[in-house]
Amino acid sequence: MNQEPTEVAPALAYRLDAFTRLSAEDRGAIAMLSRPARVVAPRRDLIREGEHPRYVHLMLDGWACRYKALPDGRRQIVAFFVPGDFCDLNIYVLKAMDHSIGAITRLSVADISREDMDKLTTDYPRVTQALWWEALVNAAIQREWTLNVGQRTAYERIAHLLAELFLRLQTVDLTSGTSCDFPLTQTDIADATGLTAVHVNRTLQELRRDKLIELDRRRLNIPDLQRLMEAAMFNANYLHLDHEGRHLDANR
């Protein structure tokens, strides 16, 4: 792992501002979380199950995933991380990791100490409120993933995953029109949806045939997001994209 200087990605401010209207002081406090970034090579682990966690990890650039693995190597991805995401805000209370976090792409990550997180949440209540909202949304995403794997068809599962990831990237200003970067392999999608890679390949072809998606050179294009959401029976309420946190703040 290498080191390189960086600043906390603007994606974090975009993400937190979706839940609570941040002041200039709040944004300045977030910027103070800047650290020399740790760079993790693609397909390497940021931290592994069984290791002792010491920091909160903030995704600055690149994609990562949370996963559980069986002794025979089979893997279940239970979350994807994009720029602006924290990996477990209170992870340092654990004696040992009960899951692993792996880099999908070349990953730039800030390691934030417990002391720095405590100071941020004590001194900046708006940021704290935004972090509460983020934690609630992350729990809602996990519930939706459980429903996805347990009840939706393969076609619906993959359509749902693609719609969710696009909307999450859109929230942090990482989409361009109807398209976004999409570094996931078919194996990654399979591990996240409980399908085989062969089944994923066939389903992606069906989505292309129905003109719901275009995938080319690690780039995803969704010509009609509403049609894709309808195909997935996607209800975006669990992502709380209507800025409920801001509404609460405005009513005070």
C-alpha atoms as a PDB file:
ATOM      1  CA  MET A   1       0.000   0.000   0.000  1.00  0.00           C
ATOM      2  CA  ASN A   2       1.242   3.465  -0.957  1.00  0.00           C
ATOM      3  CA  GLN A   3       0.607   6.887   0.491  1.00  0.00           C
ATOM      4  CA  GLU A   4      -0.422  10.010  -1.431  1.00  0.00           C
ATOM      5  CA  PRO A   5      -1.648  13.449  -0.304  1.00  0.00           C
ATOM      6  CA  THR A   6      -5.311  14.211  -0.826  1.00  0.00           C
ATOM      7  CA  GLU A   7      -8.280  16.073   0.597  1.00  0.00           C
ATOM      8  CA  VAL A   8     -11.554  14.612   1.750  1.00  0.00           C
ATOM      9  CA  ALA A   9     -13.569  14.116  -1.418  1.00  0.00           C
ATOM     10  CA  PRO A  10     -16.308  16.647  -2.163  1.00  0.00           C
ATOM     11  CA  ALA A  11     -18.574  13.599  -2.363  1.00  0.00           C
ATOM     12  CA  LEU A  12     -18.732  13.472   1.450  1.00  0.00           C
ATOM     13  CA  ALA A  13     -20.089  17.008   1.708  1.00  0.00           C
ATOM     14  CA  TYR A  14     -22.589  16.274  -1.079  1.00  0.00           C
ATOM     15  CA  ARG A  15     -23.735  13.148   0.731  1.00  0.00           C
ATOM     16  CA  LEU A  16     -24.126  14.722   4.173  1.00  0.00           C
ATOM     17  CA  ASP A  17     -25.740  17.842   2.751  1.00  0.00           C
ATOM     18  CA  ALA A  18     -28.478  15.595   1.361  1.00  0.00           C
ATOM     19  CA  PHE A  19     -29.600  14.962   4.940  1.00  0.00           C
ATOM     20  CA  THR A  20     -28.925  18.287   6.718  1.00  0.00           C
ATOM     21  CA  ARG A  21     -28.144  21.718   5.337  1.00  0.00           C
ATOM     22  CA  LEU A  22     -24.495  22.201   6.222  1.00  0.00           C
ATOM     23  CA  SER A  23     -23.004  25.558   7.169  1.00  0.00           C
ATOM     24  CA  ALA A  24     -19.641  26.860   6.001  1.00  0.00           C
ATOM     25  CA  GLU A  25     -18.256  25.910   9.443  1.00  0.00           C
ATOM     26  CA  ASP A  26     -19.619  22.382   9.060  1.00  0.00           C
ATOM     27  CA  ARG A  27     -17.967  22.051   5.677  1.00  0.00           C
ATOM     28  CA  GLY A  28     -14.733  23.363   7.109  1.00  0.00           C
ATOM     29  CA  ALA A  29     -14.845  20.760   9.878  1.00  0.00           C
ATOM     30  CA  ILE A  30     -15.408  18.032   7.298  1.00  0.00           C
ATOM     31  CA  ALA A  31     -12.438  19.308   5.311  1.00  0.00           C
ATOM     32  CA  MET A  32     -10.307  19.016   8.475  1.00  0.00           C
ATOM     33  CA  LEU A  33     -10.716  15.251   8.231  1.00  0.00           C
ATOM     34  CA  SER A  34      -8.155  15.392   5.422  1.00  0.00           C
ATOM     35  CA  ARG A  35      -5.324  12.961   5.855  1.00  0.00           C
ATOM     36  CA  PRO A  36      -2.616  11.584   3.636  1.00  0.00           C
ATOM     37  CA  ALA A  37      -4.691   8.988   1.848  1.00  0.00           C
ATOM     38  CA  ARG A  38      -3.930   5.316   1.970  1.00  0.00           C
ATOM     39  CA  VAL A  39      -4.040   3.824  -1.498  1.00  0.00           C
ATOM     40  CA  VAL A  40      -5.202   0.231  -1.855  1.00  0.00           C
ATOM     41  CA  ALA A  41      -4.609  -1.647  -5.085  1.00  0.00           C
ATOM     42  CA  PRO A  42      -7.595  -3.112  -6.943  1.00  0.00           C
ATOM     43  CA  ARG A  43      -8.833  -6.441  -5.581  1.00  0.00           C
ATOM     44  CA  ARG A  44      -6.850  -6.120  -2.361  1.00  0.00           C
ATOM     45  CA  ASP A  45      -8.388  -6.010   1.109  1.00  0.00           C
ATOM     46  CA  LEU A  46      -8.561  -2.756   3.025  1.00  0.00           C
ATOM     47  CA  ILE A  47      -9.198  -4.711   6.233  1.00  0.00           C
ATOM     48  CA  ARG A  48      -9.967  -8.382   6.798  1.00  0.00           C
ATOM     49  CA  GLU A  49     -12.273 -10.347   9.039  1.00  0.00           C
ATOM     50  CA  GLY A  50     -10.542 -11.046  12.354  1.00  0.00           C
ATOM     51  CA  GLU A  51      -8.300  -7.965  12.249  1.00  0.00           C
ATOM     52  CA  HIS A  52      -8.537  -5.270  14.925  1.00  0.00           C
ATOM     53  CA  PRO A  53     -10.131  -2.081  13.547  1.00  0.00           C
ATOM     54  CA  ARG A  54      -8.539   1.185  14.664  1.00  0.00           C
ATOM     55  CA  TYR A  55     -10.008   3.739  12.258  1.00  0.00           C
ATOM     56  CA  VAL A  56     -13.193   4.797  10.540  1.00  0.00           C
ATOM     57  CA  HIS A  57     -12.547   4.468   6.817  1.00  0.00           C
ATOM     58  CA  LEU A  58     -13.806   7.187   4.474  1.00  0.00           C
ATOM     59  CA  MET A  59     -13.933   6.409   0.762  1.00  0.00           C
ATOM     60  CA  LEU A  60     -12.243   9.271  -1.109  1.00  0.00           C
ATOM     61  CA  ASP A  61     -11.948   7.785  -4.569  1.00  0.00           C
ATOM     62  CA  GLY A  62     -12.747   4.423  -6.098  1.00  0.00           C
ATOM     63  CA  TRP A  63     -15.172   1.617  -5.269  1.00  0.00           C
ATOM     64  CA  ALA A  64     -15.048  -0.963  -2.476  1.00  0.00           C
ATOM     65  CA  CYS A  65     -17.276  -3.652  -1.011  1.00  0.00           C
ATOM     66  CA  ARG A  66     -18.136  -5.232   2.313  1.00  0.00           C
ATOM     67  CA  TYR A  67     -18.190  -9.015   2.125  1.00  0.00           C
ATOM     68  CA  LYS A  68     -18.357 -12.251   4.057  1.00  0.00           C
ATOM     69  CA  ALA A  69     -16.499 -15.351   2.883  1.00  0.00           C
ATOM     70  CA  LEU A  70     -16.869 -19.056   3.549  1.00  0.00           C
ATOM     71  CA  PRO A  71     -13.841 -21.297   4.203  1.00  0.00           C
ATOM     72  CA  ASP A  72     -14.101 -22.730   0.677  1.00  0.00           C
ATOM     73  CA  GLY A  73     -13.760 -19.270  -0.871  1.00  0.00           C
ATOM     74  CA  ARG A  74     -17.384 -18.544  -1.714  1.00  0.00           C
ATOM     75  CA  ARG A  75     -18.194 -14.893  -1.086  1.00  0.00           C
ATOM     76  CA  GLN A  76     -21.289 -12.796  -0.423  1.00  0.00           C
ATOM     77  CA  ILE A  77     -21.026  -9.065  -1.030  1.00  0.00           C
ATOM     78  CA  VAL A  78     -23.335  -7.292   1.412  1.00  0.00           C
ATOM     79  CA  ALA A  79     -22.588  -3.658   0.510  1.00  0.00           C
ATOM     80  CA  PHE A  80     -20.876  -1.506  -2.082  1.00  0.00           C
ATOM     81  CA  PHE A  81     -19.013   1.671  -1.144  1.00  0.00           C
ATOM     82  CA  VAL A  82     -18.576   4.657  -3.463  1.00  0.00           C
ATOM     83  CA  PRO A  83     -16.796   7.990  -2.867  1.00  0.00           C
ATOM     84  CA  GLY A  84     -18.203   9.835   0.144  1.00  0.00           C
ATOM     85  CA  ASP A  85     -19.181   6.656   2.001  1.00  0.00           C
ATOM     86  CA  PHE A  86     -17.983   5.752   5.490  1.00  0.00           C
ATOM     87  CA  CYS A  87     -17.264   2.123   6.298  1.00  0.00           C
ATOM     88  CA  ASP A  88     -18.947   1.604   9.683  1.00  0.00           C
ATOM     89  CA  LEU A  89     -18.879   4.837  11.709  1.00  0.00           C
ATOM     90  CA  ASN A  90     -18.439   3.070  15.061  1.00  0.00           C
ATOM     91  CA  ILE A  91     -16.242   0.201  13.897  1.00  0.00           C
ATOM     92  CA  TYR A  92     -13.465   0.949  16.411  1.00  0.00           C
ATOM     93  CA  VAL A  93     -15.633  -0.328  19.285  1.00  0.00           C
ATOM     94  CA  LEU A  94     -15.159  -3.880  17.971  1.00  0.00           C
ATOM     95  CA  LYS A  95     -12.302  -6.070  19.138  1.00  0.00           C
ATOM     96  CA  ALA A  96     -12.172  -7.827  15.785  1.00  0.00           C
ATOM     97  CA  MET A  97     -13.734  -7.368  12.370  1.00  0.00           C
ATOM     98  CA  ASP A  98     -16.647  -9.702  11.633  1.00  0.00           C
ATOM     99  CA  HIS A  99     -16.441  -8.988   7.890  1.00  0.00           C
ATOM    100  CA  SER A 100     -13.914  -7.828   5.309  1.00  0.00           C
ATOM    101  CA  ILE A 101     -13.726  -4.709   3.174  1.00  0.00           C
ATOM    102  CA  GLY A 102     -12.114  -5.099  -0.223  1.00  0.00           C
ATOM    103  CA  ALA A 103     -11.130  -2.659  -2.949  1.00  0.00           C
ATOM    104  CA  ILE A 104     -12.853  -3.176  -6.280  1.00  0.00           C
ATOM    105  CA  THR A 105     -10.900  -0.462  -8.065  1.00  0.00           C
ATOM    106  CA  ARG A 106      -7.772   1.402  -7.048  1.00  0.00           C
ATOM    107  CA  LEU A 107      -8.988   2.869  -3.793  1.00  0.00           C
ATOM    108  CA  SER A 108      -8.058   6.050  -1.970  1.00  0.00           C
ATOM    109  CA  VAL A 109      -9.229   6.006   1.632  1.00  0.00           C
ATOM    110  CA  ALA A 110      -8.830   8.302   4.644  1.00  0.00           C
ATOM    111  CA  ASP A 111      -8.251   6.632   8.011  1.00  0.00           C
ATOM    112  CA  ILE A 112     -10.031   8.722  10.670  1.00  0.00           C
ATOM    113  CA  SER A 113      -9.233   8.222  14.341  1.00  0.00           C
ATOM    114  CA  ARG A 114     -11.804   7.820  17.071  1.00  0.00           C
ATOM    115  CA  GLU A 115     -10.612  11.091  18.622  1.00  0.00           C
ATOM    116  CA  ASP A 116     -11.191  13.030  15.415  1.00  0.00           C
ATOM    117  CA  MET A 117     -14.644  11.508  14.909  1.00  0.00           C
ATOM    118  CA  ASP A 118     -15.598  12.243  18.533  1.00  0.00           C
ATOM    119  CA  LYS A 119     -14.502  15.871  18.158  1.00  0.00           C
ATOM    120  CA  LEU A 120     -16.427  16.274  14.916  1.00  0.00           C
ATOM    121  CA  THR A 121     -19.667  14.900  16.331  1.00  0.00           C
ATOM    122  CA  THR A 122     -19.330  16.825  19.609  1.00  0.00           C
ATOM    123  CA  ASP A 123     -18.545  20.213  18.113  1.00  0.00           C
ATOM    124  CA  TYR A 124     -20.732  20.148  14.987  1.00  0.00           C
ATOM    125  CA  PRO A 125     -24.315  19.020  15.707  1.00  0.00           C
ATOM    126  CA  ARG A 126     -25.477  19.464  12.104  1.00  0.00           C
ATOM    127  CA  VAL A 127     -22.799  17.058  10.934  1.00  0.00           C
ATOM    128  CA  THR A 128     -23.828  14.658  13.689  1.00  0.00           C
ATOM    129  CA  GLN A 129     -27.453  14.833  12.525  1.00  0.00           C
ATOM    130  CA  ALA A 130     -26.345  14.118   8.961  1.00  0.00           C
ATOM    131  CA  LEU A 131     -24.312  11.114  10.128  1.00  0.00           C
ATOM    132  CA  TRP A 132     -27.370   9.760  11.966  1.00  0.00           C
ATOM    133  CA  TRP A 133     -29.354  10.027   8.754  1.00  0.00           C
ATOM    134  CA  GLU A 134     -26.576   8.293   6.848  1.00  0.00           C
ATOM    135  CA  ALA A 135     -26.587   5.420   9.349  1.00  0.00           C
ATOM    136  CA  LEU A 136     -30.356   5.040   8.999  1.00  0.00           C
ATOM    137  CA  VAL A 137     -30.112   5.009   5.200  1.00  0.00           C
ATOM    138  CA  ASN A 138     -27.359   2.390   5.324  1.00  0.00           C
ATOM    139  CA  ALA A 139     -29.590   0.177   7.500  1.00  0.00           C
ATOM    140  CA  ALA A 140     -32.451   0.702   5.038  1.00  0.00           C
ATOM    141  CA  ILE A 141     -30.196  -0.322   2.152  1.00  0.00           C
ATOM    142  CA  GLN A 142     -29.334  -3.554   3.975  1.00  0.00           C
ATOM    143  CA  ARG A 143     -33.025  -4.336   4.429  1.00  0.00           C
ATOM    144  CA  GLU A 144     -33.647  -3.700   0.747  1.00  0.00           C
ATOM    145  CA  TRP A 145     -30.759  -5.988  -0.220  1.00  0.00           C
ATOM    146  CA  THR A 146     -32.257  -8.753   1.922  1.00  0.00           C
ATOM    147  CA  LEU A 147     -35.563  -8.332   0.107  1.00  0.00           C
ATOM    148  CA  ASN A 148     -33.726  -8.247  -3.208  1.00  0.00           C
ATOM    149  CA  VAL A 149     -31.995 -11.589  -2.684  1.00  0.00           C
ATOM    150  CA  GLY A 150     -34.953 -13.243  -0.968  1.00  0.00           C
ATOM    151  CA  GLN A 151     -37.870 -12.283  -3.195  1.00  0.00           C
ATOM    152  CA  ARG A 152     -36.981 -10.639  -6.507  1.00  0.00           C
ATOM    153  CA  THR A 153     -36.261 -12.496  -9.734  1.00  0.00           C
ATOM    154  CA  ALA A 154     -32.769 -12.369 -11.237  1.00  0.00           C
ATOM    155  CA  TYR A 155     -33.945  -9.736 -13.722  1.00  0.00           C
ATOM    156  CA  GLU A 156     -35.431  -7.616 -10.942  1.00  0.00           C
ATOM    157  CA  ARG A 157     -32.430  -8.081  -8.646  1.00  0.00           C
ATOM    158  CA  ILE A 158     -29.898  -6.810 -11.133  1.00  0.00           C
ATOM    159  CA  ALA A 159     -32.140  -3.999 -12.385  1.00  0.00           C
ATOM    160  CA  HIS A 160     -32.671  -2.952  -8.769  1.00  0.00           C
ATOM    161  CA  LEU A 161     -28.958  -2.977  -7.966  1.00  0.00           C
ATOM    162  CA  LEU A 162     -28.117  -0.891 -11.033  1.00  0.00           C
ATOM    163  CA  ALA A 163     -30.841   1.655 -10.248  1.00  0.00           C
ATOM    164  CA  GLU A 164     -29.682   1.959  -6.630  1.00  0.00           C
ATOM    165  CA  LEU A 165     -26.032   2.451  -7.505  1.00  0.00           C
ATOM    166  CA  PHE A 166     -26.867   5.051 -10.142  1.00  0.00           C
ATOM    167  CA  LEU A 167     -28.988   7.039  -7.677  1.00  0.00           C
ATOM    168  CA  ARG A 168     -26.310   6.848  -4.982  1.00  0.00           C
ATOM    169  CA  LEU A 169     -23.697   8.137  -7.425  1.00  0.00           C
ATOM    170  CA  GLN A 170     -26.080  10.854  -8.564  1.00  0.00           C
ATOM    171  CA  THR A 171     -26.459  12.010  -4.945  1.00  0.00           C
ATOM    172  CA  VAL A 172     -22.716  12.704  -4.724  1.00  0.00           C
ATOM    173  CA  ASP A 173     -22.512  14.290  -8.193  1.00  0.00           C
ATOM    174  CA  LEU A 174     -20.698  11.355  -9.804  1.00  0.00           C
ATOM    175  CA  THR A 175     -23.031  10.823 -12.757  1.00  0.00           C
ATOM    176  CA  SER A 176     -23.018  12.511 -16.129  1.00  0.00           C
ATOM    177  CA  GLY A 177     -26.490  12.762 -17.615  1.00  0.00           C
ATOM    178  CA  THR A 178     -27.787   9.199 -17.870  1.00  0.00           C
ATOM    179  CA  SER A 179     -24.410   7.499 -17.409  1.00  0.00           C
ATOM    180  CA  CYS A 180     -21.812   6.757 -14.726  1.00  0.00           C
ATOM    181  CA  ASP A 181     -18.624   4.802 -14.187  1.00  0.00           C
ATOM    182  CA  PHE A 182     -19.345   1.151 -13.483  1.00  0.00           C
ATOM    183  CA  PRO A 183     -16.294  -0.932 -12.536  1.00  0.00           C
ATOM    184  CA  LEU A 184     -18.168  -3.996 -11.249  1.00  0.00           C
ATOM    185  CA  THR A 185     -17.492  -7.321 -12.922  1.00  0.00           C
ATOM    186  CA  GLN A 186     -20.168  -9.911 -13.545  1.00  0.00           C
ATOM    187  CA  THR A 187     -18.663 -11.896 -10.658  1.00  0.00           C
ATOM    188  CA  ASP A 188     -19.092  -8.880  -8.345  1.00  0.00           C
ATOM    189  CA  ILE A 189     -22.743  -8.584  -9.374  1.00  0.00           C
ATOM    190  CA  ALA A 190     -23.208 -12.315  -8.861  1.00  0.00           C
ATOM    191  CA  ASP A 191     -21.704 -12.169  -5.369  1.00  0.00           C
ATOM    192  CA  ALA A 192     -24.020  -9.271  -4.456  1.00  0.00           C
ATOM    193  CA  THR A 193     -27.223 -10.790  -5.846  1.00  0.00           C
ATOM    194  CA  GLY A 194     -26.859 -14.477  -4.963  1.00  0.00           C
ATOM    195  CA  LEU A 195     -26.661 -15.533  -8.607  1.00  0.00           C
ATOM    196  CA  THR A 196     -24.055 -17.314 -10.706  1.00  0.00           C
ATOM    197  CA  ALA A 197     -21.856 -15.343 -13.091  1.00  0.00           C
ATOM    198  CA  VAL A 198     -23.476 -17.215 -15.998  1.00  0.00           C
ATOM    199  CA  HIS A 199     -26.938 -16.172 -14.801  1.00  0.00           C
ATOM    200  CA  VAL A 200     -25.756 -12.573 -14.424  1.00  0.00           C
ATOM    201  CA  ASN A 201     -24.373 -12.582 -17.973  1.00  0.00           C
ATOM    202  CA  ARG A 202     -27.659 -13.849 -19.369  1.00  0.00           C
ATOM    203  CA  THR A 203     -29.681 -11.342 -17.352  1.00  0.00           C
ATOM    204  CA  LEU A 204     -27.532  -8.392 -18.409  1.00  0.00           C
ATOM    205  CA  GLN A 205     -28.092  -9.431 -22.015  1.00  0.00           C
ATOM    206  CA  GLU A 206     -31.845  -9.404 -21.368  1.00  0.00           C
ATOM    207  CA  LEU A 207     -31.646  -5.914 -19.861  1.00  0.00           C
ATOM    208  CA  ARG A 208     -29.689  -4.748 -22.887  1.00  0.00           C
ATOM    209  CA  ARG A 209     -32.156  -6.380 -25.265  1.00  0.00           C
ATOM    210  CA  ASP A 210     -35.006  -4.569 -23.513  1.00  0.00           C
ATOM    211  CA  LYS A 211     -33.056  -1.316 -23.941  1.00  0.00           C
ATOM    212  CA  LEU A 212     -33.003  -0.683 -20.202  1.00  0.00           C
ATOM    213  CA  ILE A 213     -29.217  -0.442 -19.927  1.00  0.00           C
ATOM    214  CA  GLU A 214     -26.058  -0.028 -21.969  1.00  0.00           C
ATOM    215  CA  LEU A 215     -22.763  -1.343 -20.612  1.00  0.00           C
ATOM    216  CA  ASP A 216     -19.524  -0.618 -22.415  1.00  0.00           C
ATOM    217  CA  ARG A 217     -15.934  -0.244 -21.219  1.00  0.00           C
ATOM    218  CA  ARG A 218     -16.767   0.035 -17.533  1.00  0.00           C
ATOM    219  CA  ARG A 219     -19.438   2.635 -18.218  1.00  0.00           C
ATOM    220  CA  LEU A 220     -23.148   2.219 -17.454  1.00  0.00           C
ATOM    221  CA  ASN A 221     -25.800   4.152 -19.342  1.00  0.00           C
ATOM    222  CA  ILE A 222     -29.461   4.061 -18.317  1.00  0.00           C
ATOM    223  CA  PRO A 223     -31.499   5.638 -21.134  1.00  0.00           C
ATOM    224  CA  ASP A 224     -34.711   5.723 -19.105  1.00  0.00           C
ATOM    225  CA  LEU A 225     -34.199   5.430 -15.348  1.00  0.00           C
ATOM    226  CA  GLN A 226     -37.945   5.345 -14.675  1.00  0.00           C
ATOM    227  CA  ARG A 227     -38.393   2.307 -16.935  1.00  0.00           C
ATOM    228  CA  LEU A 228     -35.523   0.521 -15.196  1.00  0.00           C
ATOM    229  CA  MET A 229     -37.027   1.301 -11.800  1.00  0.00           C
ATOM    230  CA  GLU A 230     -40.407  -0.020 -12.903  1.00  0.00           C
ATOM    231  CA  ALA A 231     -38.805  -3.239 -14.153  1.00  0.00           C
ATOM    232  CA  ALA A 232     -37.118  -3.674 -10.755  1.00  0.00           C
ATOM    233  CA  MET A 233     -40.205  -2.677  -8.725  1.00  0.00           C
ATOM    234  CA  PHE A 234     -37.859  -0.061  -7.299  1.00  0.00           C
ATOM    235  CA  ASN A 235     -39.164   2.309  -4.635  1.00  0.00           C
ATOM    236  CA  ALA A 236     -36.523   4.918  -3.850  1.00  0.00           C
ATOM    237  CA  ASN A 237     -38.031   5.817  -0.467  1.00  0.00           C
ATOM    238  CA  TYR A 238     -35.412   3.760   1.391  1.00  0.00           C
ATOM    239  CA  LEU A 239     -32.656   6.052   0.068  1.00  0.00           C
ATOM    240  CA  HIS A 240     -34.425   9.128   1.504  1.00  0.00           C
ATOM    241  CA  LEU A 241     -33.528  11.246  -1.508  1.00  0.00           C
ATOM    242  CA  ASP A 242     -36.175  13.859  -0.666  1.00  0.00           C
ATOM    243  CA  HIS A 243     -33.809  15.510   1.826  1.00  0.00           C
ATOM    244  CA  GLU A 244     -35.957  14.772   4.868  1.00  0.00           C
ATOM    245  CA  GLY A 245     -33.156  15.889   7.140  1.00  0.00           C
ATOM    246  CA  ARG A 246     -33.215  19.332   5.575  1.00  0.00           C
ATOM    247  CA  HIS A 247     -36.977  19.536   6.071  1.00  0.00           C
ATOM    248  CA  LEU A 248     -36.548  18.757   9.755  1.00  0.00           C
ATOM    249  CA  ASP A 249     -33.817  21.358  10.050  1.00  0.00           C
ATOM    250  CA  ALA A 250     -35.946  24.003   8.323  1.00  0.00           C
ATOM    251  CA  ASN A 251     -38.831  23.428  10.729  1.00  0.00           C
ATOM    252  CA  ARG A 252     -36.791  24.183  13.829  1.00  0.00           C
END
